[in-house]
C-alpha atoms as a PDB file:
ATOM      1  CA  MET A   1       0.152 103.315  42.535  1.00  0.00           C
ATOM      2  CA  SER A   2      -2.913 102.071  44.520  1.00  0.00           C
ATOM      3  CA  GLY A   3      -4.528 101.664  40.942  1.00  0.00           C
ATOM      4  CA  GLY A   4      -1.518  99.659  39.911  1.00  0.00           C
ATOM      5  CA  GLY A   5      -1.608  97.382  42.807  1.00  0.00           C
ATOM      6  CA  LYS A   6      -5.357  96.625  42.337  1.00  0.00           C
ATOM      7  CA  ARG A   7      -4.692  95.640  38.635  1.00  0.00           C
ATOM      8  CA  ARG A   8      -1.904  93.247  39.939  1.00  0.00           C
ATOM      9  CA  VAL A   9      -4.404  91.491  42.301  1.00  0.00           C
ATOM     10  CA  GLU A  10      -7.221  91.112  39.392  1.00  0.00           C
ATOM     11  CA  HIS A  11      -4.357  89.275  37.110  1.00  0.00           C
ATOM     12  CA  GLU A  12      -3.076  87.070  39.914  1.00  0.00           C
ATOM     13  CA  GLU A  13      -3.580  83.469  38.915  1.00  0.00           C
ATOM     14  CA  HIS A  14      -5.345  80.878  41.454  1.00  0.00           C
ATOM     15  CA  GLU A  15      -3.706  77.679  42.176  1.00  0.00           C
ATOM     16  CA  GLU A  16      -5.396  74.850  40.609  1.00  0.00           C
ATOM     17  CA  HIS A  17      -6.953  72.540  43.160  1.00  0.00           C
ATOM     18  CA  GLU A  18      -5.745  68.554  43.211  1.00  0.00           C
ATOM     19  CA  ASN A  19      -8.282  66.192  41.637  1.00  0.00           C
ATOM     20  CA  HIS A  20      -8.652  63.531  44.383  1.00  0.00           C
ATOM     21  CA  GLU A  21     -10.709  61.352  42.142  1.00  0.00           C
ATOM     22  CA  ARG A  22      -7.808  60.329  39.604  1.00  0.00           C
ATOM     23  CA  TRP A  23      -7.519  56.964  41.112  1.00  0.00           C
ATOM     24  CA  LEU A  24     -10.918  56.061  39.856  1.00  0.00           C
ATOM     25  CA  VAL A  25      -9.182  56.125  36.204  1.00  0.00           C
ATOM     26  CA  SER A  26      -6.693  53.649  37.036  1.00  0.00           C
ATOM     27  CA  TYR A  27      -9.213  51.571  39.040  1.00  0.00           C
ATOM     28  CA  ALA A  28     -11.416  51.238  36.182  1.00  0.00           C
ATOM     29  CA  ASP A  29      -8.429  50.340  33.800  1.00  0.00           C
ATOM     30  CA  MET A  30      -7.301  47.726  36.569  1.00  0.00           C
ATOM     31  CA  MET A  31     -10.748  46.160  36.673  1.00  0.00           C
ATOM     32  CA  THR A  32     -11.188  46.046  32.909  1.00  0.00           C
ATOM     33  CA  LEU A  33      -7.994  43.966  32.623  1.00  0.00           C
ATOM     34  CA  LEU A  34      -8.681  41.780  35.123  1.00  0.00           C
ATOM     35  CA  MET A  35     -12.154  41.005  33.592  1.00  0.00           C
ATOM     36  CA  VAL A  36     -10.417  40.355  30.210  1.00  0.00           C
ATOM     37  CA  LEU A  37      -7.849  38.157  32.026  1.00  0.00           C
ATOM     38  CA  PHE A  38     -10.745  36.094  33.402  1.00  0.00           C
ATOM     39  CA  ILE A  39     -12.410  35.835  30.168  1.00  0.00           C
ATOM     40  CA  VAL A  40      -9.421  34.300  28.491  1.00  0.00           C
ATOM     41  CA  LEU A  41      -8.697  32.066  31.295  1.00  0.00           C
ATOM     42  CA  PHE A  42     -12.336  30.838  31.073  1.00  0.00           C
ATOM     43  CA  ALA A  43     -11.900  30.449  27.341  1.00  0.00           C
ATOM     44  CA  ILE A  44      -8.377  28.665  27.936  1.00  0.00           C
ATOM     45  CA  SER A  45     -10.293  26.190  29.969  1.00  0.00           C
ATOM     46  CA  GLN A  46     -12.701  24.836  27.506  1.00  0.00           C
ATOM     47  CA  VAL A  47     -10.539  22.360  25.779  1.00  0.00           C
ATOM     48  CA  ASP A  48     -11.770  19.400  23.536  1.00  0.00           C
ATOM     49  CA  GLU A  49     -10.238  16.585  25.359  1.00  0.00           C
ATOM     50  CA  LYS A  50     -10.250  14.510  22.357  1.00  0.00           C
ATOM     51  CA  LYS A  51      -8.434  16.953  19.990  1.00  0.00           C
ATOM     52  CA  PHE A  52      -6.009  17.919  22.727  1.00  0.00           C
ATOM     53  CA  ALA A  53      -5.191  14.151  23.073  1.00  0.00           C
ATOM     54  CA  GLU A  54      -4.619  13.991  19.271  1.00  0.00           C
ATOM     55  CA  LEU A  55      -2.362  16.933  19.288  1.00  0.00           C
ATOM     56  CA  LYS A  56      -0.438  15.673  22.189  1.00  0.00           C
ATOM     57  CA  THR A  57       0.093  12.376  20.688  1.00  0.00           C
ATOM     58  CA  GLY A  58       0.739  13.891  17.398  1.00  0.00           C
ATOM     59  CA  LEU A  59       3.601  16.389  18.846  1.00  0.00           C
ATOM     60  CA  ALA A  60       5.117  13.375  20.843  1.00  0.00           C
ATOM     61  CA  THR A  61       5.494  11.090  17.792  1.00  0.00           C
ATOM     62  CA  GLY A  62       6.864  13.776  15.738  1.00  0.00           C
ATOM     63  CA  PHE A  63       9.638  14.961  18.179  1.00  0.00           C
ATOM     64  CA  GLY A  64      10.231  11.612  19.497  1.00  0.00           C
ATOM     65  CA  ALA A  65       9.407  12.585  23.151  1.00  0.00           C
ATOM     66  CA  PRO A  66       7.285  10.864  25.633  1.00  0.00           C
ATOM     67  CA  ALA A  67       3.620  11.436  25.374  1.00  0.00           C
ATOM     68  CA  GLN A  68       2.984  12.328  28.777  1.00  0.00           C
ATOM     69  CA  ILE A  69       2.871  16.018  29.143  1.00  0.00           C
ATOM     70  CA  LEU A  70       2.655  16.477  33.106  1.00  0.00           C
ATOM     71  CA  GLN A  71       3.555  14.028  35.744  1.00  0.00           C
ATOM     72  CA  GLY A  72       1.164  13.305  38.494  1.00  0.00           C
ATOM     73  CA  GLY A  73      -2.757  13.278  38.706  1.00  0.00           C
ATOM     74  CA  SER A  74      -4.944  11.784  35.897  1.00  0.00           C
ATOM     75  CA  ALA A  75      -7.109  14.999  35.430  1.00  0.00           C
ATOM     76  CA  MET A  76      -6.556  17.323  32.116  1.00  0.00           C
ATOM     77  CA  LEU A  77      -5.179  20.502  32.668  1.00  0.00           C
ATOM     78  CA  THR A  78      -5.115  20.330  36.372  1.00  0.00           C
ATOM     79  CA  ALA A  79      -1.949  20.725  38.654  1.00  0.00           C
ATOM     80  CA  GLY A  80       0.038  17.665  38.125  1.00  0.00           C
ATOM     81  CA  GLY A  81      -2.527  16.347  35.805  1.00  0.00           C
ATOM     82  CA  ALA A  82      -1.235  13.914  33.214  1.00  0.00           C
ATOM     83  CA  VAL A  83      -3.002  13.640  30.060  1.00  0.00           C
ATOM     84  CA  ALA A  84      -5.149  10.439  29.538  1.00  0.00           C
ATOM     85  CA  PRO A  85      -3.752   7.879  27.071  1.00  0.00           C
ATOM     86  CA  ASP A  86      -4.996   7.851  23.538  1.00  0.00           C
ATOM     87  CA  ASP A  87      -7.165   5.090  22.075  1.00  0.00           C
ATOM     88  CA  PRO A  88      -4.171   3.738  19.799  1.00  0.00           C
ATOM     89  CA  ASN A  89      -1.941   2.826  22.592  1.00  0.00           C
ATOM     90  CA  LEU A  90       1.591   3.804  20.887  1.00  0.00           C
ATOM     91  CA  ALA A  91       3.149   2.978  24.171  1.00  0.00           C
ATOM     92  CA  GLY A  92       2.566  -0.746  23.869  1.00  0.00           C
ATOM     93  CA  SER A  93       1.169  -0.829  27.605  1.00  0.00           C
ATOM     94  CA  SER A  94      -2.382  -0.293  28.974  1.00  0.00           C
ATOM     95  CA  GLY A  95      -1.068   2.616  30.939  1.00  0.00           C
ATOM     96  CA  ASN A  96      -3.310   2.022  34.007  1.00  0.00           C
ATOM     97  CA  GLN A  97      -2.985   4.295  37.091  1.00  0.00           C
ATOM     98  CA  SER A  98      -3.783   3.649  40.729  1.00  0.00           C
ATOM     99  CA  THR A  99      -6.535   5.550  42.659  1.00  0.00           C
ATOM    100  CA  ASP A 100      -4.045   7.793  44.152  1.00  0.00           C
ATOM    101  CA  GLY A 101      -3.077   9.213  40.677  1.00  0.00           C
ATOM    102  CA  THR A 102       0.390   7.365  40.476  1.00  0.00           C
ATOM    103  CA  SER A 103       1.435   5.315  37.333  1.00  0.00           C
ATOM    104  CA  GLY A 104       1.016   1.736  37.326  1.00  0.00           C
ATOM    105  CA  SER A 105       4.041   1.181  35.417  1.00  0.00           C
ATOM    106  CA  SER A 106       7.649   1.530  36.202  1.00  0.00           C
ATOM    107  CA  GLY A 107       8.120   5.019  34.620  1.00  0.00           C
ATOM    108  CA  ASN A 108       7.217   3.685  31.073  1.00  0.00           C
ATOM    109  CA  GLN A 109       3.721   5.261  30.813  1.00  0.00           C
ATOM    110  CA  GLY A 110       3.101   7.292  28.071  1.00  0.00           C
ATOM    111  CA  SER A 111       6.513   6.504  26.268  1.00  0.00           C
ATOM    112  CA  VAL A 112       6.115   6.193  22.438  1.00  0.00           C
ATOM    113  CA  ASP A 113       6.917   2.380  21.235  1.00  0.00           C
ATOM    114  CA  PRO A 114       8.974   3.041  18.229  1.00  0.00           C
ATOM    115  CA  GLU A 115       8.052  -0.155  16.590  1.00  0.00           C
ATOM    116  CA  LYS A 116       4.146   0.612  16.838  1.00  0.00           C
ATOM    117  CA  VAL A 117       5.034   4.064  15.381  1.00  0.00           C
ATOM    118  CA  ALA A 118       6.724   2.499  12.589  1.00  0.00           C
ATOM    119  CA  GLU A 119       3.932   0.308  12.223  1.00  0.00           C
ATOM    120  CA  LEU A 120       1.646   2.845  12.041  1.00  0.00           C
ATOM    121  CA  ALA A 121       3.675   4.789   9.555  1.00  0.00           C
ATOM    122  CA  LYS A 122       3.999   1.741   7.242  1.00  0.00           C
ATOM    123  CA  ALA A 123       0.308   1.099   7.179  1.00  0.00           C
ATOM    124  CA  THR A 124      -0.508   4.823   6.293  1.00  0.00           C
ATOM    125  CA  GLU A 125       2.073   4.749   3.597  1.00  0.00           C
ATOM    126  CA  GLU A 126       0.653   1.187   2.293  1.00  0.00           C
ATOM    127  CA  ALA A 127      -2.867   2.677   2.109  1.00  0.00           C
ATOM    128  CA  ALA A 128      -1.666   6.095   0.475  1.00  0.00           C
ATOM    129  CA  VAL A 129       0.136   3.826  -2.105  1.00  0.00           C
ATOM    130  CA  ALA A 130      -2.778   1.662  -2.741  1.00  0.00           C
ATOM    131  CA  LYS A 131      -5.211   4.341  -3.350  1.00  0.00           C
ATOM    132  CA  GLU A 132      -2.978   5.990  -5.675  1.00  0.00           C
ATOM    133  CA  VAL A 133      -2.229   2.899  -7.740  1.00  0.00           C
ATOM    134  CA  LYS A 134      -5.899   2.352  -8.021  1.00  0.00           C
ATOM    135  CA  ASN A 135      -6.238   5.945  -9.285  1.00  0.00           C
ATOM    136  CA  LEU A 136      -3.344   5.357 -11.987  1.00  0.00           C
ATOM    137  CA  LYS A 137      -5.053   1.970 -12.842  1.00  0.00           C
ATOM    138  CA  GLU A 138      -8.316   3.673 -13.666  1.00  0.00           C
ATOM    139  CA  ALA A 139      -6.513   6.305 -15.720  1.00  0.00           C
ATOM    140  CA  ARG A 140      -4.839   3.488 -17.565  1.00  0.00           C
ATOM    141  CA  ASP A 141      -8.198   1.944 -18.362  1.00  0.00           C
ATOM    142  CA  ARG A 142      -9.571   5.223 -19.458  1.00  0.00           C
ATOM    143  CA  LEU A 143      -6.534   5.937 -21.725  1.00  0.00           C
ATOM    144  CA  LYS A 144      -7.005   2.294 -23.139  1.00  0.00           C
ATOM    145  CA  LYS A 145     -10.657   3.090 -23.842  1.00  0.00           C
ATOM    146  CA  ALA A 146      -9.774   6.370 -25.376  1.00  0.00           C
ATOM    147  CA  LEU A 147      -7.449   4.434 -27.991  1.00  0.00           C
ATOM    148  CA  ARG A 148      -9.937   1.668 -28.665  1.00  0.00           C
ATOM    149  CA  LYS A 149     -12.457   4.351 -29.498  1.00  0.00           C
ATOM    150  CA  SER A 150     -10.071   5.954 -32.021  1.00  0.00           C
ATOM    151  CA  GLY A 151      -9.314   2.778 -33.652  1.00  0.00           C
ATOM    152  CA  LEU A 152      -5.847   2.907 -32.121  1.00  0.00           C
ATOM    153  CA  LYS A 153      -5.934  -0.253 -29.624  1.00  0.00           C
ATOM    154  CA  ASN A 154      -2.280  -1.029 -30.109  1.00  0.00           C
ATOM    155  CA  GLY A 155      -1.227   2.801 -30.274  1.00  0.00           C
ATOM    156  CA  ALA A 156       0.644   2.702 -26.791  1.00  0.00           C
ATOM    157  CA  THR A 157       1.716   0.280 -24.209  1.00  0.00           C
ATOM    158  CA  PHE A 158       1.343   0.690 -20.468  1.00  0.00           C
ATOM    159  CA  ARG A 159       3.337  -0.343 -17.441  1.00  0.00           C
ATOM    160  CA  PHE A 160       4.259   0.914 -14.004  1.00  0.00           C
ATOM    161  CA  ASP A 161       7.502   1.932 -12.324  1.00  0.00           C
ATOM    162  CA  GLU A 162       8.698   3.696  -9.540  1.00  0.00           C
ATOM    163  CA  ARG A 163       7.486   7.007 -10.855  1.00  0.00           C
ATOM    164  CA  GLY A 164       4.057   5.892 -11.527  1.00  0.00           C
ATOM    165  CA  LEU A 165       1.961   5.070 -14.780  1.00  0.00           C
ATOM    166  CA  VAL A 166       4.368   4.939 -17.913  1.00  0.00           C
ATOM    167  CA  VAL A 167       2.443   5.435 -21.265  1.00  0.00           C
ATOM    168  CA  THR A 168       4.712   4.033 -24.025  1.00  0.00           C
ATOM    169  CA  ILE A 169       4.496   5.039 -27.666  1.00  0.00           C
ATOM    170  CA  ALA A 170       6.777   3.803 -30.237  1.00  0.00           C
ATOM    171  CA  THR A 171       8.598   6.204 -32.464  1.00  0.00           C
ATOM    172  CA  ASP A 172       9.528   4.207 -35.403  1.00  0.00           C
ATOM    173  CA  ASN A 173       7.590   5.545 -38.047  1.00  0.00           C
ATOM    174  CA  VAL A 174       4.605   6.183 -35.822  1.00  0.00           C
ATOM    175  CA  LEU A 175       5.420   9.381 -33.840  1.00  0.00           C
ATOM    176  CA  PHE A 176       8.691  10.370 -35.843  1.00  0.00           C
ATOM    177  CA  ARG A 177      10.655   8.949 -38.744  1.00  0.00           C
ATOM    178  CA  SER A 178      14.318   7.922 -38.337  1.00  0.00           C
ATOM    179  CA  GLY A 179      16.596  10.765 -37.469  1.00  0.00           C
ATOM    180  CA  SER A 180      13.468  13.431 -37.212  1.00  0.00           C
ATOM    181  CA  ASP A 181      11.806  15.007 -34.737  1.00  0.00           C
ATOM    182  CA  VAL A 182       8.743  15.934 -36.690  1.00  0.00           C
ATOM    183  CA  LEU A 183       5.514  14.356 -35.493  1.00  0.00           C
ATOM    184  CA  GLN A 184       4.106  12.310 -38.001  1.00  0.00           C
ATOM    185  CA  ALA A 185       0.025  11.927 -38.827  1.00  0.00           C
ATOM    186  CA  GLN A 186      -0.349   8.507 -36.974  1.00  0.00           C
ATOM    187  CA  GLY A 187       1.403  10.158 -34.051  1.00  0.00           C
ATOM    188  CA  ARG A 188      -0.761  12.991 -33.863  1.00  0.00           C
ATOM    189  CA  LYS A 189      -3.666  10.840 -33.803  1.00  0.00           C
ATOM    190  CA  ILE A 190      -2.496   8.612 -30.966  1.00  0.00           C
ATOM    191  CA  LEU A 191      -1.714  12.016 -28.882  1.00  0.00           C
ATOM    192  CA  LYS A 192      -5.076  13.463 -29.909  1.00  0.00           C
ATOM    193  CA  ALA A 193      -6.643  10.427 -28.345  1.00  0.00           C
ATOM    194  CA  LEU A 194      -4.859  10.303 -25.119  1.00  0.00           C
ATOM    195  CA  GLY A 195      -4.874  14.299 -24.554  1.00  0.00           C
ATOM    196  CA  PRO A 196      -8.260  14.652 -23.137  1.00  0.00           C
ATOM    197  CA  THR A 197      -7.761  11.930 -20.306  1.00  0.00           C
ATOM    198  CA  LEU A 198      -4.455  13.260 -19.672  1.00  0.00           C
ATOM    199  CA  ARG A 199      -5.682  16.819 -19.386  1.00  0.00           C
ATOM    200  CA  ALA A 200      -8.393  15.425 -16.810  1.00  0.00           C
ATOM    201  CA  LEU A 201      -5.988  13.951 -14.603  1.00  0.00           C
ATOM    202  CA  PRO A 202      -4.567  15.695 -11.498  1.00  0.00           C
ATOM    203  CA  ASN A 203      -1.096  14.236 -11.892  1.00  0.00           C
ATOM    204  CA  GLN A 204       1.936  16.004 -12.988  1.00  0.00           C
ATOM    205  CA  LEU A 205       3.193  14.706 -16.435  1.00  0.00           C
ATOM    206  CA  SER A 206       6.668  13.792 -17.533  1.00  0.00           C
ATOM    207  CA  VAL A 207       7.530  13.536 -21.278  1.00  0.00           C
ATOM    208  CA  ASP A 208      10.666  11.427 -21.908  1.00  0.00           C
ATOM    209  CA  GLY A 209      12.331  10.875 -25.280  1.00  0.00           C
ATOM    210  CA  HIS A 210      14.554   7.820 -25.740  1.00  0.00           C
ATOM    211  CA  THR A 211      16.669   6.582 -28.873  1.00  0.00           C
ATOM    212  CA  ASN A 212      18.419   3.468 -29.777  1.00  0.00           C
ATOM    213  CA  SER A 213      22.222   3.344 -29.659  1.00  0.00           C
ATOM    214  CA  ILE A 214      22.900   3.909 -33.266  1.00  0.00           C
ATOM    215  CA  PRO A 215      24.771   7.179 -33.189  1.00  0.00           C
ATOM    216  CA  ILE A 216      23.357  10.257 -35.308  1.00  0.00           C
ATOM    217  CA  HIS A 217      25.301  13.551 -36.225  1.00  0.00           C
ATOM    218  CA  THR A 218      23.574  15.906 -38.412  1.00  0.00           C
ATOM    219  CA  ALA A 219      23.376  19.858 -38.756  1.00  0.00           C
ATOM    220  CA  LYS A 220      20.443  19.867 -36.335  1.00  0.00           C
ATOM    221  CA  PHE A 221      21.329  17.095 -33.986  1.00  0.00           C
ATOM    222  CA  ALA A 222      24.847  16.654 -32.863  1.00  0.00           C
ATOM    223  CA  SER A 223      23.977  13.382 -30.975  1.00  0.00           C
ATOM    224  CA  ASN A 224      21.152  11.265 -29.784  1.00  0.00           C
ATOM    225  CA  TRP A 225      20.845  13.497 -26.833  1.00  0.00           C
ATOM    226  CA  GLU A 226      19.542  16.463 -28.839  1.00  0.00           C
ATOM    227  CA  LEU A 227      17.379  14.044 -30.811  1.00  0.00           C
ATOM    228  CA  SER A 228      15.584  12.782 -27.985  1.00  0.00           C
ATOM    229  CA  GLY A 229      15.147  16.067 -26.253  1.00  0.00           C
ATOM    230  CA  PHE A 230      13.713  17.839 -29.296  1.00  0.00           C
ATOM    231  CA  ARG A 231      11.101  14.696 -29.490  1.00  0.00           C
ATOM    232  CA  ALA A 232       9.986  14.939 -26.089  1.00  0.00           C
ATOM    233  CA  SER A 233       9.859  18.677 -26.318  1.00  0.00           C
ATOM    234  CA  ASN A 234       7.583  18.351 -29.649  1.00  0.00           C
ATOM    235  CA  VAL A 235       5.310  16.069 -27.928  1.00  0.00           C
ATOM    236  CA  LEU A 236       4.912  18.302 -24.786  1.00  0.00           C
ATOM    237  CA  ARG A 237       4.135  21.086 -27.027  1.00  0.00           C
ATOM    238  CA  TYR A 238       1.616  19.260 -28.863  1.00  0.00           C
ATOM    239  CA  LEU A 239      -0.259  18.191 -25.660  1.00  0.00           C
ATOM    240  CA  HIS A 240      -0.264  22.063 -24.679  1.00  0.00           C
ATOM    241  CA  ASN A 241      -1.394  23.494 -27.830  1.00  0.00           C
ATOM    242  CA  GLN A 242      -3.750  20.818 -28.855  1.00  0.00           C
ATOM    243  CA  ASP A 243      -5.124  19.783 -25.341  1.00  0.00           C
ATOM    244  CA  LYS A 244      -4.490  23.008 -23.471  1.00  0.00           C
ATOM    245  CA  ILE A 245      -2.647  21.025 -20.595  1.00  0.00           C
ATOM    246  CA  PRO A 246      -0.713  23.762 -18.883  1.00  0.00           C
ATOM    247  CA  PHE A 247       3.198  24.077 -19.071  1.00  0.00           C
ATOM    248  CA  GLY A 248       3.270  24.006 -15.440  1.00  0.00           C
ATOM    249  CA  ARG A 249       2.005  20.327 -15.192  1.00  0.00           C
ATOM    250  CA  MET A 250       4.392  18.899 -17.526  1.00  0.00           C
ATOM    251  CA  THR A 251       8.194  18.428 -18.030  1.00  0.00           C
ATOM    252  CA  PHE A 252      10.379  16.848 -20.649  1.00  0.00           C
ATOM    253  CA  THR A 253      13.705  15.037 -20.751  1.00  0.00           C
ATOM    254  CA  GLY A 254      15.836  13.550 -23.066  1.00  0.00           C
ATOM    255  CA  TYR A 255      17.499  10.323 -22.195  1.00  0.00           C
ATOM    256  CA  ALA A 256      19.408   9.357 -25.510  1.00  0.00           C
ATOM    257  CA  ASP A 257      20.071   5.712 -25.357  1.00  0.00           C
ATOM    258  CA  THR A 258      20.852   5.435 -21.747  1.00  0.00           C
ATOM    259  CA  MET A 259      17.689   3.752 -20.672  1.00  0.00           C
ATOM    260  CA  PRO A 260      17.126   0.989 -23.190  1.00  0.00           C
ATOM    261  CA  ARG A 261      14.071  -1.369 -22.759  1.00  0.00           C
ATOM    262  CA  LEU A 262      16.196  -4.017 -24.638  1.00  0.00           C
ATOM    263  CA  PRO A 263      19.866  -4.410 -24.597  1.00  0.00           C
ATOM    264  CA  ALA A 264      21.782  -3.132 -27.941  1.00  0.00           C
ATOM    265  CA  SER A 265      22.581  -7.012 -28.776  1.00  0.00           C
ATOM    266  CA  ASP A 266      18.947  -7.716 -29.245  1.00  0.00           C
ATOM    267  CA  PRO A 267      17.829  -7.006 -32.961  1.00  0.00           C
ATOM    268  CA  LYS A 268      14.582  -5.636 -31.673  1.00  0.00           C
ATOM    269  CA  SER A 269      16.319  -2.893 -29.619  1.00  0.00           C
ATOM    270  CA  VAL A 270      16.794  -0.686 -32.865  1.00  0.00           C
ATOM    271  CA  VAL A 271      12.807  -0.522 -33.021  1.00  0.00           C
ATOM    272  CA  VAL A 272      11.703  -1.049 -29.412  1.00  0.00           C
ATOM    273  CA  ASN A 273      14.318   1.429 -27.761  1.00  0.00           C
ATOM    274  CA  ARG A 274      13.293   4.251 -30.057  1.00  0.00           C
ATOM    275  CA  ARG A 275      10.015   5.880 -27.995  1.00  0.00           C
ATOM    276  CA  VAL A 276       8.552   8.403 -26.308  1.00  0.00           C
ATOM    277  CA  GLU A 277       7.153   7.864 -22.738  1.00  0.00           C
ATOM    278  CA  ILE A 278       4.509  10.027 -21.034  1.00  0.00           C
ATOM    279  CA  VAL A 279       4.736   9.257 -17.316  1.00  0.00           C
ATOM    280  CA  VAL A 280       1.598  10.102 -15.055  1.00  0.00           C
ATOM    281  CA  LEU A 281       3.505  10.652 -12.003  1.00  0.00           C
ATOM    282  CA  ALA A 282       2.171   8.920  -8.763  1.00  0.00           C
ATOM    283  CA  ARG A 283       1.089  11.551  -6.220  1.00  0.00           C
ATOM    284  CA  VAL A 284       3.036   9.898  -3.120  1.00  0.00           C
ATOM    285  CA  ASP A 285       6.255  10.646  -1.325  1.00  0.00           C
ATOM    286  CA  ASP A 286       9.202   9.623  -3.417  1.00  0.00           C
ATOM    287  CA  SER A 287      10.160   7.030  -0.643  1.00  0.00           C
ATOM    288  CA  ALA A 288       7.019   5.047  -1.861  1.00  0.00           C
ATOM    289  CA  GLY A 289       8.111   4.777  -5.407  1.00  0.00           C
ATOM    290  CA  ARG A 290       9.197   1.282  -5.310  1.00  0.00           C
ATOM    291  CA  ALA A 291       5.812   0.249  -3.508  1.00  0.00           C
ATOM    292  CA  VAL A 292       4.033   1.913  -6.749  1.00  0.00           C
ATOM    293  CA  ASP A 293       6.071  -0.171  -8.975  1.00  0.00           C
ATOM    294  CA  ASN A 294       5.649  -3.562  -7.319  1.00  0.00           C
ATOM    295  CA  LEU A 295       1.726  -3.026  -6.666  1.00  0.00           C
ATOM    296  CA  GLY A 296       1.141  -1.319 -10.021  1.00  0.00           C
ATOM    297  CA  ASN A 297       2.522  -4.359 -11.724  1.00  0.00           C
ATOM    298  CA  THR A 298       1.114  -7.017  -9.372  1.00  0.00           C
ATOM    299  CA  SER A 299      -1.415  -9.226 -11.202  1.00  0.00           C
ATOM    300  CA  SER A 300      -1.151  -7.137 -14.172  1.00  0.00           C
ATOM    301  CA  SER A 301      -2.262  -9.968 -16.121  1.00  0.00           C
ATOM    302  CA  SER A 302      -5.609 -10.020 -14.566  1.00  0.00           C
ATOM    303  CA  ASP A 303      -6.240  -6.142 -15.187  1.00  0.00           C
END
């Protein structure tokens, strides 16, 4: 029995000693987090004042809110600090502050003047339109030059509308014969001359087919709608196959006789209204379309 008692003593497990230094791990973690926090705060404090002011004005203008972010003092990113007014004073006032940090105006400092915002937006839009019209006029001149070089000076006419630059090719025995959607040799020559310049442009292209008011009904074309659509489609396919203009840059539409250049009562309408138009779409917002039309056709005689 005494031997058994000894064996029990030999296998008896000792209690683990408590680790009194575990707090060092938590302390180290806390110090690391504090260091990261102060680094982030330091990084945030290094603000480009010019860019911050631009961001502030943009957000205030976009949301129609006052440009002033914080009420009170004049320092940026300080307690009670108000962002200094920008150079383009959209508020319509000087925005002066007294030396004690209070506003020199009666609560209107930093508020956006809707009229000045509208003027700025209008000026920006006009500049964009003017630039795009200039680009389209240069494209028109290159297209005219390509036609002259190919001996096809009168192969197409050019004008501007709300969509952009419109290149009109008469279909009367030029692109297509009457009642046909098969491209003629002369029409292919015109498209071949125009194709390389059209391909080089960054603009989207719309190919529009038009007919005169004389109705048609054949086994292939139930009406002028089908005829105009097939003609526009064949021009689009030619530009893709011969000049490698991607399909993604082009669309086609058949308008039948719904958009005549001359009224049906005019004897010339039978010929003039039968046409295919390649529209070089202006790269501006749709709301600026009227401006493209007006500015593009202004002083056209001098171009």
